[in-house]
Amino acid sequence: MYPVAWAVVERETNDTWKWFIAMLIKDLDINDNGAGWVFISDQQKGLINAMKDYLPNAEHRMCARHIY
């Protein structure tokens, strides 16, 4: 696994996560609401909400380290 993207923001809020996901969609040219894509992340609630709103067809899993 390799990290694809990261960003520095003032605070982790729903708005900053939505901005991050929107930029990721644009930069990676993701189509079909994320169909065929798999994202692994921590359990950040704002990120989970942004994924549901912006990439509803993508598979989103939690990192085993963060689940533990």
PDB file of N, CA and C in Angstrom:
ATOM      1  N   MET A   1       0.838  -1.174   0.000  1.00  0.00           N
ATOM      2  CA  MET A   1       0.000   0.000   0.000  1.00  0.00           C
ATOM      3  C   MET A   1       0.884   1.239   0.000  1.00  0.00           C
ATOM      4  N   TYR A   2       0.427   2.234  -0.713  1.00  0.00           N
ATOM      5  CA  TYR A   2       1.128   3.501  -0.778  1.00  0.00           C
ATOM      6  C   TYR A   2       0.154   4.638  -0.519  1.00  0.00           C
ATOM      7  N   PRO A   3       0.566   5.630   0.250  1.00  0.00           N
ATOM      8  CA  PRO A   3      -0.317   6.794   0.418  1.00  0.00           C
ATOM      9  C   PRO A   3      -0.444   7.525  -0.914  1.00  0.00           C
ATOM     10  N   VAL A   4      -1.647   7.932  -1.227  1.00  0.00           N
ATOM     11  CA  VAL A   4      -1.914   8.609  -2.494  1.00  0.00           C
ATOM     12  C   VAL A   4      -1.885  10.119  -2.322  1.00  0.00           C
ATOM     13  N   ALA A   5      -2.412  10.606  -1.226  1.00  0.00           N
ATOM     14  CA  ALA A   5      -2.521  12.056  -1.058  1.00  0.00           C
ATOM     15  C   ALA A   5      -2.546  12.421   0.414  1.00  0.00           C
ATOM     16  N   TRP A   6      -2.149  13.645   0.685  1.00  0.00           N
ATOM     17  CA  TRP A   6      -2.267  14.210   2.023  1.00  0.00           C
ATOM     18  C   TRP A   6      -2.381  15.713   1.877  1.00  0.00           C
ATOM     19  N   ALA A   7      -2.885  16.342   2.914  1.00  0.00           N
ATOM     20  CA  ALA A   7      -3.071  17.798   2.879  1.00  0.00           C
ATOM     21  C   ALA A   7      -2.888  18.360   4.277  1.00  0.00           C
ATOM     22  N   VAL A   8      -2.539  19.630   4.339  1.00  0.00           N
ATOM     23  CA  VAL A   8      -2.430  20.338   5.608  1.00  0.00           C
ATOM     24  C   VAL A   8      -3.593  21.326   5.677  1.00  0.00           C
ATOM     25  N   VAL A   9      -4.397  21.186   6.707  1.00  0.00           N
ATOM     26  CA  VAL A   9      -5.549  22.076   6.891  1.00  0.00           C
ATOM     27  C   VAL A   9      -5.525  22.605   8.317  1.00  0.00           C
ATOM     28  N   GLU A  10      -6.266  23.678   8.530  1.00  0.00           N
ATOM     29  CA  GLU A  10      -6.304  24.281   9.859  1.00  0.00           C
ATOM     30  C   GLU A  10      -6.947  23.349  10.885  1.00  0.00           C
ATOM     31  N   ARG A  11      -8.067  22.728  10.498  1.00  0.00           N
ATOM     32  CA  ARG A  11      -8.794  21.797  11.363  1.00  0.00           C
ATOM     33  C   ARG A  11      -9.405  20.693  10.524  1.00  0.00           C
ATOM     34  N   GLU A  12      -9.596  19.523  11.119  1.00  0.00           N
ATOM     35  CA  GLU A  12     -10.292  18.439  10.432  1.00  0.00           C
ATOM     36  C   GLU A  12     -11.785  18.609  10.668  1.00  0.00           C
ATOM     37  N   THR A  13     -12.458  19.190   9.680  1.00  0.00           N
ATOM     38  CA  THR A  13     -13.898  19.401   9.756  1.00  0.00           C
ATOM     39  C   THR A  13     -14.559  18.726   8.565  1.00  0.00           C
ATOM     40  N   ASN A  14     -15.879  18.665   8.581  1.00  0.00           N
ATOM     41  CA  ASN A  14     -16.595  18.102   7.434  1.00  0.00           C
ATOM     42  C   ASN A  14     -16.267  18.867   6.155  1.00  0.00           C
ATOM     43  N   ASP A  15     -16.181  20.193   6.258  1.00  0.00           N
ATOM     44  CA  ASP A  15     -15.891  21.010   5.078  1.00  0.00           C
ATOM     45  C   ASP A  15     -14.489  20.758   4.524  1.00  0.00           C
ATOM     46  N   THR A  16     -13.492  20.639   5.404  1.00  0.00           N
ATOM     47  CA  THR A  16     -12.143  20.392   4.895  1.00  0.00           C
ATOM     48  C   THR A  16     -12.022  18.993   4.314  1.00  0.00           C
ATOM     49  N   TRP A  17     -12.732  18.015   4.869  1.00  0.00           N
ATOM     50  CA  TRP A  17     -12.709  16.671   4.300  1.00  0.00           C
ATOM     51  C   TRP A  17     -13.415  16.647   2.941  1.00  0.00           C
ATOM     52  N   LYS A  18     -14.497  17.381   2.820  1.00  0.00           N
ATOM     53  CA  LYS A  18     -15.186  17.443   1.520  1.00  0.00           C
ATOM     54  C   LYS A  18     -14.295  18.108   0.475  1.00  0.00           C
ATOM     55  N   TRP A  19     -13.581  19.166   0.877  1.00  0.00           N
ATOM     56  CA  TRP A  19     -12.638  19.813  -0.032  1.00  0.00           C
ATOM     57  C   TRP A  19     -11.557  18.832  -0.465  1.00  0.00           C
ATOM     58  N   PHE A  20     -11.010  18.081   0.498  1.00  0.00           N
ATOM     59  CA  PHE A  20      -9.951  17.121   0.206  1.00  0.00           C
ATOM     60  C   PHE A  20     -10.434  16.046  -0.771  1.00  0.00           C
ATOM     61  N   ILE A  21     -11.592  15.485  -0.514  1.00  0.00           N
ATOM     62  CA  ILE A  21     -12.130  14.441  -1.394  1.00  0.00           C
ATOM     63  C   ILE A  21     -12.430  15.012  -2.782  1.00  0.00           C
ATOM     64  N   ALA A  22     -12.964  16.226  -2.849  1.00  0.00           N
ATOM     65  CA  ALA A  22     -13.233  16.857  -4.151  1.00  0.00           C
ATOM     66  C   ALA A  22     -11.939  17.031  -4.953  1.00  0.00           C
ATOM     67  N   MET A  23     -10.859  17.461  -4.297  1.00  0.00           N
ATOM     68  CA  MET A  23      -9.571  17.620  -4.984  1.00  0.00           C
ATOM     69  C   MET A  23      -9.005  16.269  -5.413  1.00  0.00           C
ATOM     70  N   LEU A  24      -9.183  15.246  -4.582  1.00  0.00           N
ATOM     71  CA  LEU A  24      -8.721  13.907  -4.917  1.00  0.00           C
ATOM     72  C   LEU A  24      -9.462  13.374  -6.141  1.00  0.00           C
ATOM     73  N   ILE A  25     -10.765  13.579  -6.186  1.00  0.00           N
ATOM     74  CA  ILE A  25     -11.571  13.151  -7.335  1.00  0.00           C
ATOM     75  C   ILE A  25     -11.081  13.839  -8.607  1.00  0.00           C
ATOM     76  N   LYS A  26     -10.834  15.122  -8.513  1.00  0.00           N
ATOM     77  CA  LYS A  26     -10.363  15.890  -9.671  1.00  0.00           C
ATOM     78  C   LYS A  26      -8.978  15.424 -10.116  1.00  0.00           C
ATOM     79  N   ASP A  27      -8.042  15.324  -9.176  1.00  0.00           N
ATOM     80  CA  ASP A  27      -6.665  14.975  -9.508  1.00  0.00           C
ATOM     81  C   ASP A  27      -6.520  13.551 -10.048  1.00  0.00           C
ATOM     82  N   LEU A  28      -7.292  12.618  -9.515  1.00  0.00           N
ATOM     83  CA  LEU A  28      -7.210  11.230  -9.959  1.00  0.00           C
ATOM     84  C   LEU A  28      -8.203  10.902 -11.070  1.00  0.00           C
ATOM     85  N   ASP A  29      -8.993  11.899 -11.468  1.00  0.00           N
ATOM     86  CA  ASP A  29      -9.994  11.734 -12.528  1.00  0.00           C
ATOM     87  C   ASP A  29     -10.917  10.544 -12.231  1.00  0.00           C
ATOM     88  N   ILE A  30     -11.503  10.563 -11.041  1.00  0.00           N
ATOM     89  CA  ILE A  30     -12.394   9.491 -10.604  1.00  0.00           C
ATOM     90  C   ILE A  30     -13.789   9.751 -11.159  1.00  0.00           C
ATOM     91  N   ASN A  31     -14.344   8.748 -11.825  1.00  0.00           N
ATOM     92  CA  ASN A  31     -15.676   8.862 -12.422  1.00  0.00           C
ATOM     93  C   ASN A  31     -16.644   7.873 -11.783  1.00  0.00           C
ATOM     94  N   ASP A  32     -17.881   7.939 -12.179  1.00  0.00           N
ATOM     95  CA  ASP A  32     -18.931   7.009 -11.720  1.00  0.00           C
ATOM     96  C   ASP A  32     -19.063   6.968 -10.202  1.00  0.00           C
ATOM     97  N   ASN A  33     -18.919   8.105  -9.562  1.00  0.00           N
ATOM     98  CA  ASN A  33     -19.052   8.206  -8.101  1.00  0.00           C
ATOM     99  C   ASN A  33     -18.131   7.245  -7.357  1.00  0.00           C
ATOM    100  N   GLY A  34     -16.982   6.939  -7.971  1.00  0.00           N
ATOM    101  CA  GLY A  34     -15.990   6.102  -7.299  1.00  0.00           C
ATOM    102  C   GLY A  34     -16.095   4.619  -7.579  1.00  0.00           C
ATOM    103  N   ALA A  35     -16.971   4.199  -8.483  1.00  0.00           N
ATOM    104  CA  ALA A  35     -17.118   2.775  -8.788  1.00  0.00           C
ATOM    105  C   ALA A  35     -15.764   2.200  -9.212  1.00  0.00           C
ATOM    106  N   GLY A  36     -15.389   1.074  -8.614  1.00  0.00           N
ATOM    107  CA  GLY A  36     -14.132   0.418  -8.932  1.00  0.00           C
ATOM    108  C   GLY A  36     -12.946   0.889  -8.103  1.00  0.00           C
ATOM    109  N   TRP A  37     -13.152   1.862  -7.234  1.00  0.00           N
ATOM    110  CA  TRP A  37     -12.082   2.370  -6.377  1.00  0.00           C
ATOM    111  C   TRP A  37     -12.254   1.839  -4.959  1.00  0.00           C
ATOM    112  N   VAL A  38     -11.140   1.612  -4.277  1.00  0.00           N
ATOM    113  CA  VAL A  38     -11.143   1.190  -2.871  1.00  0.00           C
ATOM    114  C   VAL A  38     -10.270   2.165  -2.092  1.00  0.00           C
ATOM    115  N   PHE A  39     -10.799   2.703  -1.007  1.00  0.00           N
ATOM    116  CA  PHE A  39     -10.075   3.631  -0.152  1.00  0.00           C
ATOM    117  C   PHE A  39      -9.957   3.036   1.246  1.00  0.00           C
ATOM    118  N   ILE A  40      -8.766   3.124   1.813  1.00  0.00           N
ATOM    119  CA  ILE A  40      -8.523   2.652   3.177  1.00  0.00           C
ATOM    120  C   ILE A  40      -8.078   3.856   3.992  1.00  0.00           C
ATOM    121  N   SER A  41      -8.727   4.083   5.125  1.00  0.00           N
ATOM    122  CA  SER A  41      -8.407   5.264   5.933  1.00  0.00           C
ATOM    123  C   SER A  41      -8.622   4.955   7.411  1.00  0.00           C
ATOM    124  N   ASP A  42      -8.400   5.979   8.229  1.00  0.00           N
ATOM    125  CA  ASP A  42      -8.698   5.846   9.648  1.00  0.00           C
ATOM    126  C   ASP A  42     -10.197   6.086   9.855  1.00  0.00           C
ATOM    127  N   GLN A  43     -10.619   6.163  11.078  1.00  0.00           N
ATOM    128  CA  GLN A  43     -12.045   6.264  11.379  1.00  0.00           C
ATOM    129  C   GLN A  43     -12.505   7.704  11.587  1.00  0.00           C
ATOM    130  N   GLN A  44     -11.880   8.649  10.925  1.00  0.00           N
ATOM    131  CA  GLN A  44     -12.263  10.061  11.023  1.00  0.00           C
ATOM    132  C   GLN A  44     -13.692  10.246  10.511  1.00  0.00           C
ATOM    133  N   LYS A  45     -14.590  10.700  11.377  1.00  0.00           N
ATOM    134  CA  LYS A  45     -16.007  10.821  11.018  1.00  0.00           C
ATOM    135  C   LYS A  45     -16.238  11.772   9.852  1.00  0.00           C
ATOM    136  N   GLY A  46     -15.509  12.877   9.798  1.00  0.00           N
ATOM    137  CA  GLY A  46     -15.671  13.812   8.697  1.00  0.00           C
ATOM    138  C   GLY A  46     -15.296  13.196   7.363  1.00  0.00           C
ATOM    139  N   LEU A  47     -14.268  12.361   7.361  1.00  0.00           N
ATOM    140  CA  LEU A  47     -13.854  11.680   6.137  1.00  0.00           C
ATOM    141  C   LEU A  47     -14.899  10.661   5.711  1.00  0.00           C
ATOM    142  N   ILE A  48     -15.434   9.937   6.659  1.00  0.00           N
ATOM    143  CA  ILE A  48     -16.472   8.947   6.340  1.00  0.00           C
ATOM    144  C   ILE A  48     -17.669   9.640   5.711  1.00  0.00           C
ATOM    145  N   ASN A  49     -18.089  10.777   6.257  1.00  0.00           N
ATOM    146  CA  ASN A  49     -19.216  11.526   5.690  1.00  0.00           C
ATOM    147  C   ASN A  49     -18.905  12.013   4.283  1.00  0.00           C
ATOM    148  N   ALA A  50     -17.705  12.546   4.069  1.00  0.00           N
ATOM    149  CA  ALA A  50     -17.327  13.043   2.742  1.00  0.00           C
ATOM    150  C   ALA A  50     -17.288  11.912   1.726  1.00  0.00           C
ATOM    151  N   MET A  51     -16.791  10.752   2.140  1.00  0.00           N
ATOM    152  CA  MET A  51     -16.757   9.598   1.228  1.00  0.00           C
ATOM    153  C   MET A  51     -18.173   9.197   0.826  1.00  0.00           C
ATOM    154  N   LYS A  52     -19.087   9.171   1.783  1.00  0.00           N
ATOM    155  CA  LYS A  52     -20.476   8.809   1.479  1.00  0.00           C
ATOM    156  C   LYS A  52     -21.124   9.814   0.536  1.00  0.00           C
ATOM    157  N   ASP A  53     -20.819  11.096   0.706  1.00  0.00           N
ATOM    158  CA  ASP A  53     -21.419  12.144  -0.125  1.00  0.00           C
ATOM    159  C   ASP A  53     -20.814  12.213  -1.521  1.00  0.00           C
ATOM    160  N   TYR A  54     -19.490  12.124  -1.617  1.00  0.00           N
ATOM    161  CA  TYR A  54     -18.797  12.354  -2.882  1.00  0.00           C
ATOM    162  C   TYR A  54     -18.474  11.079  -3.659  1.00  0.00           C
ATOM    163  N   LEU A  55     -18.260   9.975  -2.956  1.00  0.00           N
ATOM    164  CA  LEU A  55     -17.875   8.715  -3.608  1.00  0.00           C
ATOM    165  C   LEU A  55     -18.745   7.559  -3.111  1.00  0.00           C
ATOM    166  N   PRO A  56     -20.050   7.642  -3.328  1.00  0.00           N
ATOM    167  CA  PRO A  56     -20.937   6.620  -2.768  1.00  0.00           C
ATOM    168  C   PRO A  56     -20.734   5.224  -3.358  1.00  0.00           C
ATOM    169  N   ASN A  57     -20.180   5.122  -4.563  1.00  0.00           N
ATOM    170  CA  ASN A  57     -19.979   3.813  -5.189  1.00  0.00           C
ATOM    171  C   ASN A  57     -18.603   3.221  -4.906  1.00  0.00           C
ATOM    172  N   ALA A  58     -17.736   3.968  -4.235  1.00  0.00           N
ATOM    173  CA  ALA A  58     -16.403   3.457  -3.898  1.00  0.00           C
ATOM    174  C   ALA A  58     -16.484   2.583  -2.661  1.00  0.00           C
ATOM    175  N   GLU A  59     -15.587   1.622  -2.593  1.00  0.00           N
ATOM    176  CA  GLU A  59     -15.492   0.794  -1.399  1.00  0.00           C
ATOM    177  C   GLU A  59     -14.591   1.518  -0.410  1.00  0.00           C
ATOM    178  N   HIS A  60     -15.037   1.656   0.820  1.00  0.00           N
ATOM    179  CA  HIS A  60     -14.272   2.365   1.845  1.00  0.00           C
ATOM    180  C   HIS A  60     -14.076   1.436   3.028  1.00  0.00           C
ATOM    181  N   ARG A  61     -12.837   1.133   3.328  1.00  0.00           N
ATOM    182  CA  ARG A  61     -12.490   0.240   4.439  1.00  0.00           C
ATOM    183  C   ARG A  61     -11.678   0.989   5.480  1.00  0.00           C
ATOM    184  N   MET A  62     -11.692   0.478   6.687  1.00  0.00           N
ATOM    185  CA  MET A  62     -10.918   1.071   7.774  1.00  0.00           C
ATOM    186  C   MET A  62      -9.586   0.338   7.898  1.00  0.00           C
ATOM    187  N   CYS A  63      -8.555   1.092   8.179  1.00  0.00           N
ATOM    188  CA  CYS A  63      -7.225   0.551   8.386  1.00  0.00           C
ATOM    189  C   CYS A  63      -7.247  -0.367   9.617  1.00  0.00           C
ATOM    190  N   ALA A  64      -6.685  -1.571   9.490  1.00  0.00           N
ATOM    191  CA  ALA A  64      -6.705  -2.515  10.603  1.00  0.00           C
ATOM    192  C   ALA A  64      -5.995  -1.954  11.836  1.00  0.00           C
ATOM    193  N   ARG A  65      -4.976  -1.167  11.622  1.00  0.00           N
ATOM    194  CA  ARG A  65      -4.264  -0.556  12.752  1.00  0.00           C
ATOM    195  C   ARG A  65      -5.181   0.380  13.524  1.00  0.00           C
ATOM    196  N   HIS A  66      -6.013   1.126  12.825  1.00  0.00           N
ATOM    197  CA  HIS A  66      -6.908   2.074  13.502  1.00  0.00           C
ATOM    198  C   HIS A  66      -8.118   1.366  14.118  1.00  0.00           C
ATOM    199  N   ILE A  67      -8.513   0.241  13.576  1.00  0.00           N
ATOM    200  CA  ILE A  67      -9.610  -0.526  14.168  1.00  0.00           C
ATOM    201  C   ILE A  67      -9.137  -1.131  15.490  1.00  0.00           C
ATOM    202  N   TYR A  68      -7.883  -1.623  15.514  1.00  0.00           N
ATOM    203  CA  TYR A  68      -7.323  -2.227  16.711  1.00  0.00           C
ATOM    204  C   TYR A  68      -7.288  -1.224  17.835  1.00  0.00           C
TER     205      TYR A  68
END
